[in-house]
C-alpha atoms as a PDB file:
ATOM      1  CA  MET A   1      93.121 142.956  98.975  1.00  0.00           C
ATOM      2  CA  ALA A   2      90.463 142.168 100.704  1.00  0.00           C
ATOM      3  CA  ALA A   3      90.989 140.704 104.436  1.00  0.00           C
ATOM      4  CA  ASP A   4      90.730 136.914 105.344  1.00  0.00           C
ATOM      5  CA  VAL A   5      89.648 137.835 109.291  1.00  0.00           C
ATOM      6  CA  ASP A   6      88.327 141.195 110.506  1.00  0.00           C
ATOM      7  CA  LEU A   7      89.426 141.267 113.916  1.00  0.00           C
ATOM      8  CA  VAL A   8      87.395 143.409 116.033  1.00  0.00           C
ATOM      9  CA  LEU A   9      88.779 145.139 119.044  1.00  0.00           C
ATOM     10  CA  PRO A  10      86.859 147.308 121.346  1.00  0.00           C
ATOM     11  CA  CYS A  11      88.950 149.801 122.958  1.00  0.00           C
ATOM     12  CA  LEU A  12      88.222 152.528 125.578  1.00  0.00           C
ATOM     13  CA  ASN A  13      91.188 154.596 126.156  1.00  0.00           C
ATOM     14  CA  GLU A  14      93.850 152.325 125.460  1.00  0.00           C
ATOM     15  CA  ALA A  15      96.646 154.304 124.067  1.00  0.00           C
ATOM     16  CA  THR A  16      99.425 152.018 125.554  1.00  0.00           C
ATOM     17  CA  ALA A  17      98.516 149.062 124.252  1.00  0.00           C
ATOM     18  CA  LEU A  18      97.407 149.596 120.760  1.00  0.00           C
ATOM     19  CA  PRO A  19     100.945 149.885 119.198  1.00  0.00           C
ATOM     20  CA  TRP A  20     101.984 146.666 120.755  1.00  0.00           C
ATOM     21  CA  VAL A  21      98.429 144.842 119.970  1.00  0.00           C
ATOM     22  CA  LEU A  22      98.575 146.094 116.197  1.00  0.00           C
ATOM     23  CA  ALA A  23     102.060 145.418 115.558  1.00  0.00           C
ATOM     24  CA  ARG A  24     101.580 141.866 115.961  1.00  0.00           C
ATOM     25  CA  LEU A  25      98.473 141.111 113.843  1.00  0.00           C
ATOM     26  CA  PRO A  26      99.243 137.976 111.348  1.00  0.00           C
ATOM     27  CA  ASP A  27      99.009 138.055 107.630  1.00  0.00           C
ATOM     28  CA  GLY A  28      95.479 138.273 106.172  1.00  0.00           C
ATOM     29  CA  VAL A  29      93.965 140.347 109.509  1.00  0.00           C
ATOM     30  CA  ARG A  30      92.410 143.627 108.930  1.00  0.00           C
ATOM     31  CA  ALA A  31      92.428 145.322 112.036  1.00  0.00           C
ATOM     32  CA  VAL A  32      88.966 147.172 112.913  1.00  0.00           C
ATOM     33  CA  VAL A  33      89.419 149.194 116.339  1.00  0.00           C
ATOM     34  CA  VAL A  34      85.948 150.926 117.941  1.00  0.00           C
ATOM     35  CA  ASP A  35      85.918 153.327 119.850  1.00  0.00           C
ATOM     36  CA  ASN A  36      83.723 153.394 122.745  1.00  0.00           C
ATOM     37  CA  GLY A  37      84.710 157.142 124.259  1.00  0.00           C
ATOM     38  CA  SER A  38      88.304 157.324 124.606  1.00  0.00           C
ATOM     39  CA  THR A  39      89.619 160.126 125.938  1.00  0.00           C
ATOM     40  CA  ASP A  40      93.510 159.354 125.480  1.00  0.00           C
ATOM     41  CA  GLY A  41      93.846 159.767 122.084  1.00  0.00           C
ATOM     42  CA  SER A  42      93.400 155.817 121.514  1.00  0.00           C
ATOM     43  CA  ALA A  43      91.361 156.569 118.181  1.00  0.00           C
ATOM     44  CA  GLU A  44      93.701 158.754 116.674  1.00  0.00           C
ATOM     45  CA  ILE A  45      97.052 156.264 117.215  1.00  0.00           C
ATOM     46  CA  ALA A  46      94.973 153.380 115.778  1.00  0.00           C
ATOM     47  CA  ALA A  47      94.152 155.660 112.288  1.00  0.00           C
ATOM     48  CA  ALA A  48      97.806 156.081 112.243  1.00  0.00           C
ATOM     49  CA  LEU A  49      98.961 152.770 113.048  1.00  0.00           C
ATOM     50  CA  GLY A  50      96.567 151.459 110.056  1.00  0.00           C
ATOM     51  CA  ALA A  51      93.727 150.629 111.505  1.00  0.00           C
ATOM     52  CA  THR A  52      90.307 150.766 110.275  1.00  0.00           C
ATOM     53  CA  VAL A  53      88.855 153.056 113.041  1.00  0.00           C
ATOM     54  CA  ILE A  54      84.899 153.529 113.779  1.00  0.00           C
ATOM     55  CA  SER A  55      83.235 155.268 117.214  1.00  0.00           C
ATOM     56  CA  CYS A  56      80.637 153.504 119.073  1.00  0.00           C
ATOM     57  CA  GLU A  57      78.794 156.216 120.976  1.00  0.00           C
ATOM     58  CA  LEU A  58      76.636 153.462 123.156  1.00  0.00           C
ATOM     59  CA  ARG A  59      79.014 152.563 125.778  1.00  0.00           C
ATOM     60  CA  GLY A  60      79.384 149.061 126.555  1.00  0.00           C
ATOM     61  CA  TYR A  61      81.354 146.046 125.357  1.00  0.00           C
ATOM     62  CA  GLY A  62      78.829 144.811 123.780  1.00  0.00           C
ATOM     63  CA  ALA A  63      78.071 147.503 121.724  1.00  0.00           C
ATOM     64  CA  ALA A  64      81.140 148.078 120.836  1.00  0.00           C
ATOM     65  CA  CYS A  65      81.820 144.405 119.754  1.00  0.00           C
ATOM     66  CA  HIS A  66      78.611 144.618 117.407  1.00  0.00           C
ATOM     67  CA  ALA A  67      79.474 147.809 115.952  1.00  0.00           C
ATOM     68  CA  GLY A  68      82.786 146.375 115.058  1.00  0.00           C
ATOM     69  CA  LEU A  69      81.175 143.233 113.781  1.00  0.00           C
ATOM     70  CA  GLU A  70      78.349 145.558 111.636  1.00  0.00           C
ATOM     71  CA  ALA A  71      81.255 147.143 109.940  1.00  0.00           C
ATOM     72  CA  ALA A  72      83.748 144.372 109.149  1.00  0.00           C
ATOM     73  CA  THR A  73      83.558 143.211 105.594  1.00  0.00           C
ATOM     74  CA  ALA A  74      85.541 140.087 105.925  1.00  0.00           C
ATOM     75  CA  GLU A  75      83.584 136.528 106.038  1.00  0.00           C
ATOM     76  CA  VAL A  76      85.286 135.499 108.862  1.00  0.00           C
ATOM     77  CA  VAL A  77      85.334 137.959 112.173  1.00  0.00           C
ATOM     78  CA  ALA A  78      87.244 137.382 115.239  1.00  0.00           C
ATOM     79  CA  PHE A  79      87.484 139.617 118.488  1.00  0.00           C
ATOM     80  CA  LEU A  80      89.641 140.812 120.790  1.00  0.00           C
ATOM     81  CA  ASP A  81      90.253 143.053 123.740  1.00  0.00           C
ATOM     82  CA  ALA A  82      93.070 145.827 122.855  1.00  0.00           C
ATOM     83  CA  ASP A  83      94.227 145.827 126.417  1.00  0.00           C
ATOM     84  CA  ALA A  84      97.159 143.324 125.132  1.00  0.00           C
ATOM     85  CA  SER A  85      95.902 140.482 127.734  1.00  0.00           C
ATOM     86  CA  LEU A  86      96.330 138.665 124.422  1.00  0.00           C
ATOM     87  CA  ASP A  87      98.797 138.443 121.588  1.00  0.00           C
ATOM     88  CA  PRO A  88      97.274 138.814 118.305  1.00  0.00           C
ATOM     89  CA  ARG A  89     100.048 136.008 116.834  1.00  0.00           C
ATOM     90  CA  GLN A  90      98.169 133.551 118.275  1.00  0.00           C
ATOM     91  CA  LEU A  91      94.924 134.475 116.568  1.00  0.00           C
ATOM     92  CA  VAL A  92      95.233 131.830 113.751  1.00  0.00           C
ATOM     93  CA  ARG A  93      94.176 129.155 116.911  1.00  0.00           C
ATOM     94  CA  VAL A  94      91.281 130.411 116.932  1.00  0.00           C
ATOM     95  CA  THR A  95      90.606 131.557 112.738  1.00  0.00           C
ATOM     96  CA  ALA A  96      91.892 128.435 110.860  1.00  0.00           C
ATOM     97  CA  PRO A  97      89.130 126.380 112.404  1.00  0.00           C
ATOM     98  CA  VAL A  98      86.508 128.381 111.029  1.00  0.00           C
ATOM     99  CA  LEU A  99      88.082 129.401 108.051  1.00  0.00           C
ATOM    100  CA  ALA A 100      88.774 125.498 107.179  1.00  0.00           C
ATOM    101  CA  GLY A 101      84.973 124.614 107.785  1.00  0.00           C
ATOM    102  CA  ARG A 102      86.067 122.811 111.209  1.00  0.00           C
ATOM    103  CA  ALA A 103      84.220 125.017 113.886  1.00  0.00           C
ATOM    104  CA  ASP A 104      81.205 127.306 113.598  1.00  0.00           C
ATOM    105  CA  LEU A 105      82.579 129.273 116.771  1.00  0.00           C
ATOM    106  CA  MET A 106      86.258 128.905 118.193  1.00  0.00           C
ATOM    107  CA  LEU A 107      87.066 130.675 122.042  1.00  0.00           C
ATOM    108  CA  GLY A 108      90.376 131.036 122.996  1.00  0.00           C
ATOM    109  CA  ARG A 109      91.096 129.386 126.619  1.00  0.00           C
ATOM    110  CA  ARG A 110      93.066 132.094 128.353  1.00  0.00           C
ATOM    111  CA  ARG A 111      96.102 130.251 129.982  1.00  0.00           C
ATOM    112  CA  PRO A 112      98.053 132.687 132.308  1.00  0.00           C
ATOM    113  CA  ILE A 113     102.002 133.310 131.778  1.00  0.00           C
ATOM    114  CA  THR A 114     102.071 134.503 135.075  1.00  0.00           C
ATOM    115  CA  ARG A 115     100.495 134.174 138.214  1.00  0.00           C
ATOM    116  CA  GLY A 116      99.176 138.009 138.355  1.00  0.00           C
ATOM    117  CA  ALA A 117      97.558 137.762 135.000  1.00  0.00           C
ATOM    118  CA  TRP A 118      94.482 136.496 135.875  1.00  0.00           C
ATOM    119  CA  PRO A 119      93.219 136.429 139.738  1.00  0.00           C
ATOM    120  CA  TRP A 120      91.936 133.377 141.629  1.00  0.00           C
ATOM    121  CA  HIS A 121      88.562 135.498 142.103  1.00  0.00           C
ATOM    122  CA  LEU A 122      87.941 136.214 138.325  1.00  0.00           C
ATOM    123  CA  ARG A 123      89.042 132.714 137.152  1.00  0.00           C
ATOM    124  CA  LEU A 124      86.996 130.816 140.292  1.00  0.00           C
ATOM    125  CA  ALA A 125      84.333 133.082 138.685  1.00  0.00           C
ATOM    126  CA  ASN A 126      84.524 132.367 135.330  1.00  0.00           C
ATOM    127  CA  ALA A 127      84.857 128.336 135.851  1.00  0.00           C
ATOM    128  CA  GLU A 128      81.788 128.870 137.788  1.00  0.00           C
ATOM    129  CA  LEU A 129      80.210 130.531 134.689  1.00  0.00           C
ATOM    130  CA  ALA A 130      81.499 127.616 132.687  1.00  0.00           C
ATOM    131  CA  ARG A 131      79.766 125.436 135.172  1.00  0.00           C
ATOM    132  CA  ARG A 132      76.337 127.498 134.441  1.00  0.00           C
ATOM    133  CA  ILE A 133      77.116 127.442 130.803  1.00  0.00           C
ATOM    134  CA  HIS A 134      76.959 123.179 131.071  1.00  0.00           C
ATOM    135  CA  ARG A 135      74.070 123.635 132.384  1.00  0.00           C
ATOM    136  CA  ARG A 136      72.745 125.865 130.088  1.00  0.00           C
ATOM    137  CA  THR A 137      73.433 124.202 127.124  1.00  0.00           C
ATOM    138  CA  GLY A 138      75.228 121.219 127.455  1.00  0.00           C
ATOM    139  CA  ILE A 139      78.353 122.248 125.859  1.00  0.00           C
ATOM    140  CA  ARG A 140      81.534 121.724 128.155  1.00  0.00           C
ATOM    141  CA  LEU A 141      83.679 125.208 128.038  1.00  0.00           C
ATOM    142  CA  HIS A 142      87.031 125.835 130.460  1.00  0.00           C
ATOM    143  CA  ASP A 143      86.397 129.341 129.230  1.00  0.00           C
ATOM    144  CA  LEU A 144      84.717 132.510 128.595  1.00  0.00           C
ATOM    145  CA  GLY A 145      87.536 134.554 127.012  1.00  0.00           C
ATOM    146  CA  PRO A 146      87.757 137.461 124.878  1.00  0.00           C
ATOM    147  CA  MET A 147      89.532 136.133 121.879  1.00  0.00           C
ATOM    148  CA  ARG A 148      86.909 134.129 119.531  1.00  0.00           C
ATOM    149  CA  ALA A 149      86.248 133.805 115.957  1.00  0.00           C
ATOM    150  CA  ALA A 150      82.900 133.114 113.761  1.00  0.00           C
ATOM    151  CA  HIS A 151      81.651 133.584 110.336  1.00  0.00           C
ATOM    152  CA  ARG A 152      80.239 137.429 110.102  1.00  0.00           C
ATOM    153  CA  GLN A 153      76.887 136.390 108.950  1.00  0.00           C
ATOM    154  CA  SER A 154      76.351 133.533 110.971  1.00  0.00           C
ATOM    155  CA  LEU A 155      76.519 136.099 114.052  1.00  0.00           C
ATOM    156  CA  LEU A 156      74.589 138.492 112.722  1.00  0.00           C
ATOM    157  CA  ASP A 157      71.550 135.909 112.099  1.00  0.00           C
ATOM    158  CA  LEU A 158      72.366 135.041 115.885  1.00  0.00           C
ATOM    159  CA  ALA A 159      70.074 138.647 116.522  1.00  0.00           C
ATOM    160  CA  LEU A 160      72.426 139.302 119.721  1.00  0.00           C
ATOM    161  CA  THR A 161      70.644 142.147 121.922  1.00  0.00           C
ATOM    162  CA  ASP A 162      72.847 142.229 124.560  1.00  0.00           C
ATOM    163  CA  ARG A 163      75.158 145.474 124.599  1.00  0.00           C
ATOM    164  CA  ARG A 164      77.071 145.211 127.534  1.00  0.00           C
ATOM    165  CA  SER A 165      79.149 142.171 129.736  1.00  0.00           C
ATOM    166  CA  GLY A 166      76.868 139.561 128.577  1.00  0.00           C
ATOM    167  CA  TYR A 167      77.721 139.725 125.096  1.00  0.00           C
ATOM    168  CA  PRO A 168      80.114 137.016 124.800  1.00  0.00           C
ATOM    169  CA  LEU A 169      78.188 134.610 126.738  1.00  0.00           C
ATOM    170  CA  GLU A 170      74.757 135.388 124.278  1.00  0.00           C
ATOM    171  CA  THR A 171      77.247 134.525 121.581  1.00  0.00           C
ATOM    172  CA  VAL A 172      77.783 131.025 123.122  1.00  0.00           C
ATOM    173  CA  VAL A 173      74.410 130.137 124.263  1.00  0.00           C
ATOM    174  CA  LYS A 174      72.279 131.511 120.822  1.00  0.00           C
ATOM    175  CA  ALA A 175      75.397 129.671 119.112  1.00  0.00           C
ATOM    176  CA  ALA A 176      74.403 126.681 120.695  1.00  0.00           C
ATOM    177  CA  ASP A 177      70.915 126.478 120.772  1.00  0.00           C
ATOM    178  CA  ALA A 178      71.500 126.917 116.683  1.00  0.00           C
ATOM    179  CA  GLY A 179      73.490 124.072 116.845  1.00  0.00           C
ATOM    180  CA  TRP A 180      76.525 125.161 115.746  1.00  0.00           C
ATOM    181  CA  ARG A 181      79.774 123.034 116.580  1.00  0.00           C
ATOM    182  CA  ILE A 182      81.401 125.207 118.970  1.00  0.00           C
ATOM    183  CA  ALA A 183      85.288 124.741 120.640  1.00  0.00           C
ATOM    184  CA  GLU A 184      88.093 125.996 122.303  1.00  0.00           C
ATOM    185  CA  VAL A 185      91.648 126.270 122.237  1.00  0.00           C
ATOM    186  CA  ASP A 186      94.633 127.302 124.418  1.00  0.00           C
ATOM    187  CA  VAL A 187      95.703 131.231 124.312  1.00  0.00           C
ATOM    188  CA  ASP A 188      98.518 132.483 126.487  1.00  0.00           C
ATOM    189  CA  TYR A 189      97.131 135.263 128.762  1.00  0.00           C
ATOM    190  CA  LEU A 190      99.108 138.476 129.843  1.00  0.00           C
ATOM    191  CA  PRO A 191      98.985 140.671 132.220  1.00  0.00           C
ATOM    192  CA  ARG A 192      96.624 143.625 130.721  1.00  0.00           C
ATOM    193  CA  SER A 193      97.383 147.293 130.562  1.00  0.00           C
ATOM    194  CA  GLY A 194      95.358 149.226 132.469  1.00  0.00           C
ATOM    195  CA  ARG A 195      92.426 148.064 134.615  1.00  0.00           C
ATOM    196  CA  SER A 196      89.602 145.794 133.343  1.00  0.00           C
ATOM    197  CA  LYS A 197      86.437 147.888 132.106  1.00  0.00           C
ATOM    198  CA  VAL A 198      84.514 144.889 133.364  1.00  0.00           C
ATOM    199  CA  THR A 199      86.252 143.717 136.046  1.00  0.00           C
ATOM    200  CA  GLY A 200      88.188 146.040 137.403  1.00  0.00           C
ATOM    201  CA  THR A 201      85.712 147.995 140.123  1.00  0.00           C
ATOM    202  CA  PRO A 202      83.051 146.254 142.330  1.00  0.00           C
ATOM    203  CA  LEU A 203      80.341 148.378 140.421  1.00  0.00           C
ATOM    204  CA  GLY A 204      81.768 146.693 136.885  1.00  0.00           C
ATOM    205  CA  ALA A 205      82.075 143.294 138.623  1.00  0.00           C
ATOM    206  CA  VAL A 206      78.502 143.710 139.882  1.00  0.00           C
ATOM    207  CA  ARG A 207      77.324 144.966 136.100  1.00  0.00           C
ATOM    208  CA  ALA A 208      78.829 141.531 134.941  1.00  0.00           C
ATOM    209  CA  VAL A 209      77.086 139.456 136.739  1.00  0.00           C
ATOM    210  CA  LYS A 210      73.988 140.977 136.506  1.00  0.00           C
ATOM    211  CA  ASP A 211      74.133 140.822 132.575  1.00  0.00           C
ATOM    212  CA  MET A 212      74.986 137.592 132.213  1.00  0.00           C
ATOM    213  CA  THR A 213      72.779 136.192 134.464  1.00  0.00           C
ATOM    214  CA  LYS A 214      69.952 138.139 132.642  1.00  0.00           C
ATOM    215  CA  VAL A 215      71.330 135.703 129.770  1.00  0.00           C
ATOM    216  CA  LEU A 216      71.447 132.415 131.305  1.00  0.00           C
ATOM    217  CA  ILE A 217      67.937 132.964 132.244  1.00  0.00           C
ATOM    218  CA  ALA A 218      66.353 134.321 129.045  1.00  0.00           C
END
């Protein structure tokens, strides 16, 4: 039976988190794990747990997301980090409005359940990003979190080009420019398993800022 939703999980060395993530998928959701160069056996673990696994040789969060989008076959595609920072059981909060035709792009607004889940400096940076999104698009969002859902073909039609950390932002900006109905819903934010691949190092944070700035001024 075909899945109602394909869930794209960009993956780089998430062997510890994957069993927890894949065990919590809602009914009707197929996991598409995109291995982005893991060296810890993540791909093998995901396959053993029943996920569809594809390889993306081009490094980058956006590259992995887009490879998963192209490999997906369900009408609706969702995205989620594979680091156990978000609970897949809450995925229905972003997929249901899209499946029902009430929204074109749904985003999960992260609500940390512990003080250490979302450091203050990253929260502040996210608030500034939301302010700049509003200035650029007129859309009021509180977060640009990694849980989101939309129709597969519509996402492909946006012709997204960023292949690094600006991919989620480009999705929102181009969707807004195309007149999509964009909304957000609260989801729990948990302490991640391991260090962030995007903002977990000074170099990663600098790259993320550069990527997102390019998207906003394009």
